Each structure stands twice: as C-alpha cells, then as structure tokens.
Amino acid sequence: MPSTATTDCPPLLADAVRPAVVELMRQGVVLAAKRPSQFEQLQRHLPQVRHYLATLWLEVVLDESAGIALLQQQLSSEAKESHPELIPPRPLTLYDTLLLLVLRRHFQQRETAGEEQITIDIEQIESQLLPFLPLTNSARQDRRKLSGALERLRERKIIQPLRSESGRYEITAVIRYVVGAEFLQQLLLEYEQLLPASSAPPSRL
C-alpha cells in the first residue's frame, strides 16, 4: 500500500498570504512602500511562509524596520549539486558592479549621517562613477549605458525612481543584502588598486 505520509509536501498556506508569496517568488522582493498589504500578510504569516519556502530550499529575510521581504536561496555549495536552484544567479557586468558599489557607498554614507530615505540623482551617480571609468575602457560617461544599468537595478528593486523628481532615485535597503559593508570596502580597495593613482577615489566610507 502506498504511503499516505505528507511530511515532504509543502504545508498549505493561508489564502490571505498566497498572493504575497507569489509576488515574493516572482519578483524576489516585496517592499512595504509599494505593496503594503502583501508585506503585512508576510509579517502576519511569517512562520508559515518560512516553513513553506524551506521545503523549496528557499528562505525569506524580513526586515521590518526597512520594510523589505527578500527571497534568498537556502542551499549550501554541497546541496547545490543535488538540488535545483529556483533563483538562478544573474551575473553583473563590470559596469553594473561599479554602479552597484557607488550606490552602496552612497547609501552607507547617507545612512550613517542619519538619513532615512536615501536618494541620489543621475548627475551625482555620474560624478561618483567617473574615477572608475578607466576600468571599463571608457574615458567618458555614456548616459544611455548608465540608464540601462539603472533600469536593471530598478528591476531588482535596488533603486526606485522618484515620481516627483525626474532623474532622481531612492536607494532601497535591498542594497544592504546585495552588497555587505565589509564586502563593499574590500571591492572598493581592490578596484582602486587597479586605477591610476591620479584617478583613484578615496576609499574611506
């Protein structure tokens, strides 16, 4: 007789939280500022959601103070060999990586200064990217290239354009989980060592 055990099956989710879980799995992140009702449901049903996602080798990081629910792969390097990855890695170009580091450094500086909503405009981004451009084999800014890179970060919910100000973006707290503070400093130092001394920016945060 076949076993009727269901211990390996994902537990049923409450109807109220299912749309939020679908959004989380589809987008990888739920922001309270954009999806307040879904974020609230994730908060309310967090143990159930975590139990459900754990059966799929996924975990949710919920930062209530920042208003962020972030989906992450739970697999260890050994487990990845035997289990499929539901969140495939999306490699960044060098340009995108440098942009991400510039945004992360700006976020950390403004957060340390006590700002709650951290914003940056495209001119500031261009100015902070300028010292790193020699690493990309380019000596000048390319607004079209920058706009494309910003759009990719917007799709990942790392930045959000401000409707009230064209060309200005809010850097969301998602960036904390994409680039840690120590990793940021390490990468900045490594990149700065590759730059000519005349163009290397200060590495202190």
C-alpha atoms as a PDB file:
ATOM      1  CA  MET A   1       0.000   0.000   0.000  1.00  0.00           C
ATOM      2  CA  PRO A   2       1.415   3.426  -0.921  1.00  0.00           C
ATOM      3  CA  SER A   3       2.357   5.676   1.941  1.00  0.00           C
ATOM      4  CA  THR A   4      -0.036   8.479   2.801  1.00  0.00           C
ATOM      5  CA  ALA A   5       2.619  10.496   4.630  1.00  0.00           C
ATOM      6  CA  THR A   6       2.784  14.115   3.557  1.00  0.00           C
ATOM      7  CA  THR A   7       5.748  15.257   5.596  1.00  0.00           C
ATOM      8  CA  ASP A   8       7.740  16.026   2.437  1.00  0.00           C
ATOM      9  CA  CYS A   9       4.974  18.143   0.910  1.00  0.00           C
ATOM     10  CA  PRO A  10       4.933  21.905   1.373  1.00  0.00           C
ATOM     11  CA  PRO A  11       2.417  22.954   4.053  1.00  0.00           C
ATOM     12  CA  LEU A  12      -0.687  24.721   2.861  1.00  0.00           C
ATOM     13  CA  LEU A  13      -0.590  28.496   3.011  1.00  0.00           C
ATOM     14  CA  ALA A  14      -3.426  30.639   4.279  1.00  0.00           C
ATOM     15  CA  ASP A  15      -5.400  32.132   1.403  1.00  0.00           C
ATOM     16  CA  ALA A  16      -4.652  35.664   2.599  1.00  0.00           C
ATOM     17  CA  VAL A  17      -0.882  35.279   2.251  1.00  0.00           C
ATOM     18  CA  ARG A  18      -0.754  33.364  -1.023  1.00  0.00           C
ATOM     19  CA  PRO A  19      -0.704  36.461  -3.305  1.00  0.00           C
ATOM     20  CA  ALA A  20       2.183  37.856  -1.252  1.00  0.00           C
ATOM     21  CA  VAL A  21       4.157  34.614  -1.578  1.00  0.00           C
ATOM     22  CA  VAL A  22       3.511  34.555  -5.325  1.00  0.00           C
ATOM     23  CA  GLU A  23       4.774  38.149  -5.582  1.00  0.00           C
ATOM     24  CA  LEU A  24       7.826  37.296  -3.484  1.00  0.00           C
ATOM     25  CA  MET A  25       8.700  34.289  -5.629  1.00  0.00           C
ATOM     26  CA  ARG A  26       8.061  36.184  -8.858  1.00  0.00           C
ATOM     27  CA  GLN A  27       9.941  39.381  -8.001  1.00  0.00           C
ATOM     28  CA  GLY A  28      12.366  38.179  -5.335  1.00  0.00           C
ATOM     29  CA  VAL A  29      11.441  41.066  -3.051  1.00  0.00           C
ATOM     30  CA  VAL A  30       8.357  42.733  -1.587  1.00  0.00           C
ATOM     31  CA  LEU A  31       8.667  46.356  -0.467  1.00  0.00           C
ATOM     32  CA  ALA A  32       6.239  47.632   2.155  1.00  0.00           C
ATOM     33  CA  ALA A  33       6.234  51.036   0.481  1.00  0.00           C
ATOM     34  CA  LYS A  34       4.992  49.519  -2.786  1.00  0.00           C
ATOM     35  CA  ARG A  35       2.958  46.513  -1.578  1.00  0.00           C
ATOM     36  CA  PRO A  36       1.831  47.372   1.971  1.00  0.00           C
ATOM     37  CA  SER A  37      -0.954  44.784   2.217  1.00  0.00           C
ATOM     38  CA  GLN A  38       1.247  41.976   0.896  1.00  0.00           C
ATOM     39  CA  PHE A  39       4.097  42.942   3.220  1.00  0.00           C
ATOM     40  CA  GLU A  40       1.666  42.939   6.149  1.00  0.00           C
ATOM     41  CA  GLN A  41       0.461  39.441   5.235  1.00  0.00           C
ATOM     42  CA  LEU A  42       4.050  38.189   5.069  1.00  0.00           C
ATOM     43  CA  GLN A  43       4.662  39.622   8.538  1.00  0.00           C
ATOM     44  CA  ARG A  44       1.493  38.078   9.924  1.00  0.00           C
ATOM     45  CA  HIS A  45       2.116  34.620   8.473  1.00  0.00           C
ATOM     46  CA  LEU A  46       5.927  34.644   8.599  1.00  0.00           C
ATOM     47  CA  PRO A  47       6.454  31.271  10.375  1.00  0.00           C
ATOM     48  CA  GLN A  48       4.114  29.553   7.917  1.00  0.00           C
ATOM     49  CA  VAL A  49       5.760  31.260   4.932  1.00  0.00           C
ATOM     50  CA  ARG A  50       9.242  30.310   6.139  1.00  0.00           C
ATOM     51  CA  HIS A  51       8.164  26.693   6.642  1.00  0.00           C
ATOM     52  CA  TYR A  52       6.676  26.580   3.153  1.00  0.00           C
ATOM     53  CA  LEU A  53       9.702  28.135   1.450  1.00  0.00           C
ATOM     54  CA  ALA A  54      12.143  25.935   3.365  1.00  0.00           C
ATOM     55  CA  THR A  55      10.682  22.882   1.610  1.00  0.00           C
ATOM     56  CA  LEU A  56      11.741  24.527  -1.668  1.00  0.00           C
ATOM     57  CA  TRP A  57      15.250  25.315  -0.335  1.00  0.00           C
ATOM     58  CA  LEU A  58      14.339  28.997  -0.133  1.00  0.00           C
ATOM     59  CA  GLU A  59      14.267  31.420   2.760  1.00  0.00           C
ATOM     60  CA  VAL A  60      12.787  34.845   3.325  1.00  0.00           C
ATOM     61  CA  VAL A  61      14.646  37.656   5.055  1.00  0.00           C
ATOM     62  CA  LEU A  62      12.122  40.080   6.524  1.00  0.00           C
ATOM     63  CA  ASP A  63      13.455  43.437   7.685  1.00  0.00           C
ATOM     64  CA  GLU A  64      10.528  45.158   9.386  1.00  0.00           C
ATOM     65  CA  SER A  65      12.338  48.429  10.051  1.00  0.00           C
ATOM     66  CA  ALA A  66      13.341  48.767   6.394  1.00  0.00           C
ATOM     67  CA  GLY A  67      10.047  47.393   5.081  1.00  0.00           C
ATOM     68  CA  ILE A  68      11.652  44.651   2.994  1.00  0.00           C
ATOM     69  CA  ALA A  69      10.941  40.970   2.441  1.00  0.00           C
ATOM     70  CA  LEU A  70      13.727  39.376   0.402  1.00  0.00           C
ATOM     71  CA  LEU A  71      13.823  35.864  -1.058  1.00  0.00           C
ATOM     72  CA  GLN A  72      17.132  34.014  -0.946  1.00  0.00           C
ATOM     73  CA  GLN A  73      18.448  30.611  -1.944  1.00  0.00           C
ATOM     74  CA  GLN A  74      18.982  28.400   1.097  1.00  0.00           C
ATOM     75  CA  LEU A  75      21.267  25.814  -0.479  1.00  0.00           C
ATOM     76  CA  SER A  76      24.825  25.234   0.646  1.00  0.00           C
ATOM     77  CA  SER A  77      27.501  24.729  -2.005  1.00  0.00           C
ATOM     78  CA  GLU A  78      27.281  20.958  -1.459  1.00  0.00           C
ATOM     79  CA  ALA A  79      23.489  20.867  -1.721  1.00  0.00           C
ATOM     80  CA  LYS A  80      23.503  22.837  -4.980  1.00  0.00           C
ATOM     81  CA  GLU A  81      24.969  19.809  -6.726  1.00  0.00           C
ATOM     82  CA  SER A  82      21.929  17.653  -5.930  1.00  0.00           C
ATOM     83  CA  HIS A  83      19.090  20.202  -5.782  1.00  0.00           C
ATOM     84  CA  PRO A  84      17.892  22.625  -8.483  1.00  0.00           C
ATOM     85  CA  GLU A  85      18.280  26.362  -7.946  1.00  0.00           C
ATOM     86  CA  LEU A  86      14.966  28.208  -8.121  1.00  0.00           C
ATOM     87  CA  ILE A  87      16.787  31.552  -8.074  1.00  0.00           C
ATOM     88  CA  PRO A  88      19.332  31.349 -10.886  1.00  0.00           C
ATOM     89  CA  PRO A  89      22.350  33.637 -10.446  1.00  0.00           C
ATOM     90  CA  ARG A  90      22.320  36.754 -12.612  1.00  0.00           C
ATOM     91  CA  PRO A  91      25.909  37.824 -13.237  1.00  0.00           C
ATOM     92  CA  LEU A  92      26.664  41.546 -13.386  1.00  0.00           C
ATOM     93  CA  THR A  93      28.845  43.276 -15.926  1.00  0.00           C
ATOM     94  CA  LEU A  94      31.841  45.209 -14.622  1.00  0.00           C
ATOM     95  CA  TYR A  95      29.985  48.464 -15.296  1.00  0.00           C
ATOM     96  CA  ASP A  96      26.916  47.267 -13.368  1.00  0.00           C
ATOM     97  CA  THR A  97      29.138  46.129 -10.495  1.00  0.00           C
ATOM     98  CA  LEU A  98      30.850  49.519 -10.282  1.00  0.00           C
ATOM     99  CA  LEU A  99      27.480  51.257 -10.347  1.00  0.00           C
ATOM    100  CA  LEU A 100      26.252  48.992  -7.554  1.00  0.00           C
ATOM    101  CA  LEU A 101      29.329  49.789  -5.455  1.00  0.00           C
ATOM    102  CA  VAL A 102      28.878  53.531  -5.984  1.00  0.00           C
ATOM    103  CA  LEU A 103      25.241  53.286  -4.900  1.00  0.00           C
ATOM    104  CA  ARG A 104      26.098  51.104  -1.897  1.00  0.00           C
ATOM    105  CA  ARG A 105      28.802  53.511  -0.742  1.00  0.00           C
ATOM    106  CA  HIS A 106      26.438  56.473  -1.092  1.00  0.00           C
ATOM    107  CA  PHE A 107      23.736  54.545   0.800  1.00  0.00           C
ATOM    108  CA  GLN A 108      26.107  53.772   3.665  1.00  0.00           C
ATOM    109  CA  GLN A 109      27.381  57.345   3.880  1.00  0.00           C
ATOM    110  CA  ARG A 110      23.886  58.847   3.999  1.00  0.00           C
ATOM    111  CA  GLU A 111      22.571  56.166   6.374  1.00  0.00           C
ATOM    112  CA  THR A 112      25.478  56.881   8.745  1.00  0.00           C
ATOM    113  CA  ALA A 113      24.540  60.568   8.553  1.00  0.00           C
ATOM    114  CA  GLY A 114      21.058  59.669   9.825  1.00  0.00           C
ATOM    115  CA  GLU A 115      19.015  59.944   6.639  1.00  0.00           C
ATOM    116  CA  GLU A 116      16.002  57.630   6.426  1.00  0.00           C
ATOM    117  CA  GLN A 117      15.076  58.000   2.763  1.00  0.00           C
ATOM    118  CA  ILE A 118      18.313  57.879   0.813  1.00  0.00           C
ATOM    119  CA  THR A 119      18.221  59.365  -2.659  1.00  0.00           C
ATOM    120  CA  ILE A 120      20.699  60.170  -5.399  1.00  0.00           C
ATOM    121  CA  ASP A 121      20.368  61.913  -8.750  1.00  0.00           C
ATOM    122  CA  ILE A 122      21.875  60.854 -12.037  1.00  0.00           C
ATOM    123  CA  GLU A 123      24.445  63.686 -12.002  1.00  0.00           C
ATOM    124  CA  GLN A 124      25.736  62.512  -8.610  1.00  0.00           C
ATOM    125  CA  ILE A 125      25.964  58.958  -9.921  1.00  0.00           C
ATOM    126  CA  GLU A 126      27.923  60.099 -12.970  1.00  0.00           C
ATOM    127  CA  SER A 127      30.288  62.115 -10.788  1.00  0.00           C
ATOM    128  CA  GLN A 128      30.954  59.193  -8.428  1.00  0.00           C
ATOM    129  CA  LEU A 129      31.371  56.736 -11.315  1.00  0.00           C
ATOM    130  CA  LEU A 130      33.833  58.946 -13.183  1.00  0.00           C
ATOM    131  CA  PRO A 131      37.018  57.822 -11.337  1.00  0.00           C
ATOM    132  CA  PHE A 132      36.186  54.179 -12.106  1.00  0.00           C
ATOM    133  CA  LEU A 133      35.566  54.608 -15.842  1.00  0.00           C
ATOM    134  CA  PRO A 134      39.147  53.682 -16.857  1.00  0.00           C
ATOM    135  CA  LEU A 135      38.377  50.152 -15.603  1.00  0.00           C
ATOM    136  CA  THR A 136      35.606  49.903 -18.211  1.00  0.00           C
ATOM    137  CA  ASN A 137      37.892  51.002 -21.081  1.00  0.00           C
ATOM    138  CA  SER A 138      35.968  54.240 -21.370  1.00  0.00           C
ATOM    139  CA  ALA A 139      37.147  57.746 -20.654  1.00  0.00           C
ATOM    140  CA  ARG A 140      33.747  59.431 -20.680  1.00  0.00           C
ATOM    141  CA  GLN A 141      30.244  58.982 -19.400  1.00  0.00           C
ATOM    142  CA  ASP A 142      27.605  57.288 -21.537  1.00  0.00           C
ATOM    143  CA  ARG A 143      24.147  58.380 -20.346  1.00  0.00           C
ATOM    144  CA  ARG A 144      22.415  55.669 -22.384  1.00  0.00           C
ATOM    145  CA  LYS A 145      24.620  52.965 -20.859  1.00  0.00           C
ATOM    146  CA  LEU A 146      24.037  54.345 -17.371  1.00  0.00           C
ATOM    147  CA  SER A 147      20.274  54.487 -17.915  1.00  0.00           C
ATOM    148  CA  GLY A 148      20.266  50.846 -18.993  1.00  0.00           C
ATOM    149  CA  ALA A 149      22.248  49.793 -15.924  1.00  0.00           C
ATOM    150  CA  LEU A 150      19.947  51.789 -13.633  1.00  0.00           C
ATOM    151  CA  GLU A 151      16.933  50.100 -15.194  1.00  0.00           C
ATOM    152  CA  ARG A 152      18.397  46.671 -14.429  1.00  0.00           C
ATOM    153  CA  LEU A 153      18.890  47.679 -10.798  1.00  0.00           C
ATOM    154  CA  ARG A 154      15.340  49.043 -10.722  1.00  0.00           C
ATOM    155  CA  GLU A 155      14.046  45.655 -11.875  1.00  0.00           C
ATOM    156  CA  ARG A 156      15.840  44.108  -8.897  1.00  0.00           C
ATOM    157  CA  LYS A 157      14.173  46.652  -6.583  1.00  0.00           C
ATOM    158  CA  ILE A 158      17.571  48.035  -5.554  1.00  0.00           C
ATOM    159  CA  ILE A 159      16.552  51.517  -6.653  1.00  0.00           C
ATOM    160  CA  GLN A 160      13.196  53.177  -7.249  1.00  0.00           C
ATOM    161  CA  PRO A 161      12.719  56.304  -9.382  1.00  0.00           C
ATOM    162  CA  LEU A 162      11.134  59.231  -7.573  1.00  0.00           C
ATOM    163  CA  ARG A 163       7.971  60.287  -9.355  1.00  0.00           C
ATOM    164  CA  SER A 164       8.266  63.819  -8.022  1.00  0.00           C
ATOM    165  CA  GLU A 165      11.800  64.364  -9.372  1.00  0.00           C
ATOM    166  CA  SER A 166      12.922  63.216 -12.796  1.00  0.00           C
ATOM    167  CA  GLY A 167      16.391  61.671 -12.812  1.00  0.00           C
ATOM    168  CA  ARG A 168      16.436  61.068  -9.067  1.00  0.00           C
ATOM    169  CA  TYR A 169      16.284  57.657  -7.390  1.00  0.00           C
ATOM    170  CA  GLU A 170      15.658  56.258  -3.951  1.00  0.00           C
ATOM    171  CA  ILE A 171      18.195  53.585  -2.995  1.00  0.00           C
ATOM    172  CA  THR A 172      16.227  50.905  -1.163  1.00  0.00           C
ATOM    173  CA  ALA A 173      17.541  48.907   1.772  1.00  0.00           C
ATOM    174  CA  VAL A 174      17.618  45.862  -0.513  1.00  0.00           C
ATOM    175  CA  ILE A 175      21.134  47.012  -1.385  1.00  0.00           C
ATOM    176  CA  ARG A 176      22.281  46.075   2.156  1.00  0.00           C
ATOM    177  CA  TYR A 177      21.616  42.422   1.374  1.00  0.00           C
ATOM    178  CA  VAL A 178      23.146  42.550  -2.095  1.00  0.00           C
ATOM    179  CA  VAL A 179      26.446  44.123  -1.002  1.00  0.00           C
ATOM    180  CA  GLY A 180      27.526  43.911   2.640  1.00  0.00           C
ATOM    181  CA  ALA A 181      29.538  46.736   4.192  1.00  0.00           C
ATOM    182  CA  GLU A 182      32.748  44.707   4.573  1.00  0.00           C
ATOM    183  CA  PHE A 183      32.475  43.284   1.067  1.00  0.00           C
ATOM    184  CA  LEU A 184      31.914  46.805  -0.264  1.00  0.00           C
ATOM    185  CA  GLN A 185      35.115  48.091   1.326  1.00  0.00           C
ATOM    186  CA  GLN A 186      37.075  45.079   0.081  1.00  0.00           C
ATOM    187  CA  LEU A 187      35.902  45.510  -3.512  1.00  0.00           C
ATOM    188  CA  LEU A 188      36.490  49.255  -3.491  1.00  0.00           C
ATOM    189  CA  LEU A 189      40.071  48.746  -2.339  1.00  0.00           C
ATOM    190  CA  GLU A 190      40.675  46.089  -4.980  1.00  0.00           C
ATOM    191  CA  TYR A 191      39.290  48.251  -7.776  1.00  0.00           C
ATOM    192  CA  GLU A 192      41.163  51.333  -6.595  1.00  0.00           C
ATOM    193  CA  GLN A 193      44.436  49.395  -6.727  1.00  0.00           C
ATOM    194  CA  LEU A 194      43.782  48.805 -10.420  1.00  0.00           C
ATOM    195  CA  LEU A 195      43.289  52.507 -11.129  1.00  0.00           C
ATOM    196  CA  PRO A 196      45.991  55.054 -11.936  1.00  0.00           C
ATOM    197  CA  ALA A 197      46.958  56.972  -8.799  1.00  0.00           C
ATOM    198  CA  SER A 198      45.646  60.209 -10.293  1.00  0.00           C
ATOM    199  CA  SER A 199      42.122  58.850 -10.762  1.00  0.00           C
ATOM    200  CA  ALA A 200      41.672  56.652  -7.674  1.00  0.00           C
ATOM    201  CA  PRO A 201      38.873  57.964  -5.411  1.00  0.00           C
ATOM    202  CA  PRO A 202      39.172  57.985  -1.615  1.00  0.00           C
ATOM    203  CA  SER A 203      38.190  54.593  -0.216  1.00  0.00           C
ATOM    204  CA  ARG A 204      37.052  55.726   3.209  1.00  0.00           C
ATOM    205  CA  LEU A 205      33.309  55.348   3.798  1.00  0.00           C
END
